[in-house]
Protein backbone atom coordinates (compact mmCIF):
# COMPACT_ATOMS: atom_id res chain seq x y z
CA UNK A 1 61.56 13.41 -200.93
CA UNK A 2 60.11 10.61 -202.97
CA UNK A 3 62.23 7.56 -203.63
CA UNK A 4 61.73 7.82 -207.38
CA UNK A 5 62.80 11.48 -207.48
CA UNK A 6 65.83 10.81 -205.28
CA UNK A 7 66.85 7.82 -207.37
CA UNK A 8 66.70 9.82 -210.60
CA UNK A 9 68.43 12.90 -209.18
CA UNK A 10 71.22 11.18 -207.27
CA UNK A 11 71.52 8.55 -209.98
CA UNK A 12 72.26 11.19 -212.61
CA UNK A 13 74.92 12.74 -210.39
CA UNK A 14 76.77 9.50 -209.61
CA UNK A 15 76.00 7.76 -212.91
CA UNK A 16 73.74 4.93 -211.73
CA UNK A 17 70.14 4.31 -212.81
CA UNK A 18 68.82 2.66 -209.62
CA UNK A 19 70.45 3.71 -206.37
CA UNK A 20 67.96 1.71 -204.31
CA UNK A 21 68.76 -1.63 -205.89
CA UNK A 22 69.30 -4.49 -203.47
CA UNK A 23 72.17 -5.80 -205.57
CA UNK A 24 75.00 -3.52 -204.51
CA UNK A 25 78.62 -4.40 -203.79
CA UNK A 26 80.87 -2.15 -201.73
CA UNK A 27 84.52 -2.34 -200.82
CA UNK A 28 84.99 -3.00 -197.12
CA UNK A 29 87.31 -0.01 -196.62
CA UNK A 30 84.47 2.34 -197.60
CA UNK A 31 82.83 1.61 -194.24
CA UNK A 32 85.90 2.47 -192.17
CA UNK A 33 84.98 6.14 -191.66
CA UNK A 34 81.33 6.10 -192.75
CA UNK A 35 78.82 7.18 -190.11
CA UNK A 36 75.22 7.10 -191.39
CA UNK A 37 73.04 10.09 -190.56
CA UNK A 38 69.83 9.15 -192.33
CA UNK A 39 67.92 5.98 -191.50
CA UNK A 40 65.52 5.32 -194.36
CA UNK A 41 67.89 6.59 -197.04
CA UNK A 42 70.92 4.57 -195.98
CA UNK A 43 71.57 3.19 -199.49
CA UNK A 44 71.43 6.60 -201.13
CA UNK A 45 73.54 8.14 -198.40
CA UNK A 46 76.20 5.46 -198.77
CA UNK A 47 76.42 5.76 -202.55
CA UNK A 48 76.74 9.57 -202.29
CA UNK A 49 79.41 9.13 -199.60
CA UNK A 50 81.32 6.77 -201.91
CA UNK A 51 81.02 9.21 -204.81
CA UNK A 52 82.20 12.16 -202.68
CA UNK A 53 85.21 10.12 -201.57
CA UNK A 54 86.18 9.28 -205.16
CA UNK A 55 85.31 5.60 -205.11
CA UNK A 56 84.63 4.17 -208.55
CA UNK A 57 80.92 3.56 -209.04
CA UNK A 58 79.73 1.26 -211.77
CA UNK A 59 76.52 -0.39 -212.79
CA UNK A 60 75.63 -3.72 -214.29
CA UNK A 61 72.22 -3.47 -215.92
CA UNK A 62 70.17 -6.64 -215.68
CA UNK A 63 66.87 -6.93 -217.47
CA UNK A 64 65.00 -9.78 -215.87
CA UNK A 65 62.94 -12.12 -218.03
CA UNK A 66 59.16 -11.72 -217.93
CA UNK A 67 57.32 -13.55 -215.18
CA UNK A 68 55.73 -16.88 -215.93
CA UNK A 69 52.00 -17.16 -216.05
CA UNK A 70 50.66 -19.79 -213.67
């Protein structure tokens, strides 16, 4: 499954635009019973696990400024 397809599909389900973002915050108690099964898709698996266990999932959209020209 491509990362872009997974991000769009899972993102629509859980209500987040980019599930593979590196800027993610989780509550510590989420990890208490979590046992990852997938290796490359750890981020997606964790966000789906949180959603299935009724954790609140939110998103802060940040549009970065354009890059400087050197």
